[in-house]
Amino acid sequence: MSDIKVKIQLPYGNLFRKRHTLIVCKDLDGKFLLGNKPDFFPEGITRFLGGGIDEGEEEASSAARELSEELGIIASTSDLELMD
């Protein structure tokens, strides 16, 4: 595997947000679900799901929104288990 070097010259998008959510989820076979954003990150980078928490938004609501945006999964906040 080759080394991937990323340099941020100017912060944008989620980097301006004060809070972020990280979503760790598994499928029914116990495999972790990972995502990539080919138009956002360099090729070869995969990551856990998540994103910025909007101003005034609760953590669980943010996680549910991110699941919908990134995977098209509709989940209620009661479907999620929050971890500190």
Foldseek 3Di string as FASTA:
>chain_A
DDDDDDDDPDDDDQVPAPDKAFDWDADPVRHTDWADDVVPDPPPDIGTWIGHADVPHDRLVRVQVRCCVGPVDHDDSVVDDDDD
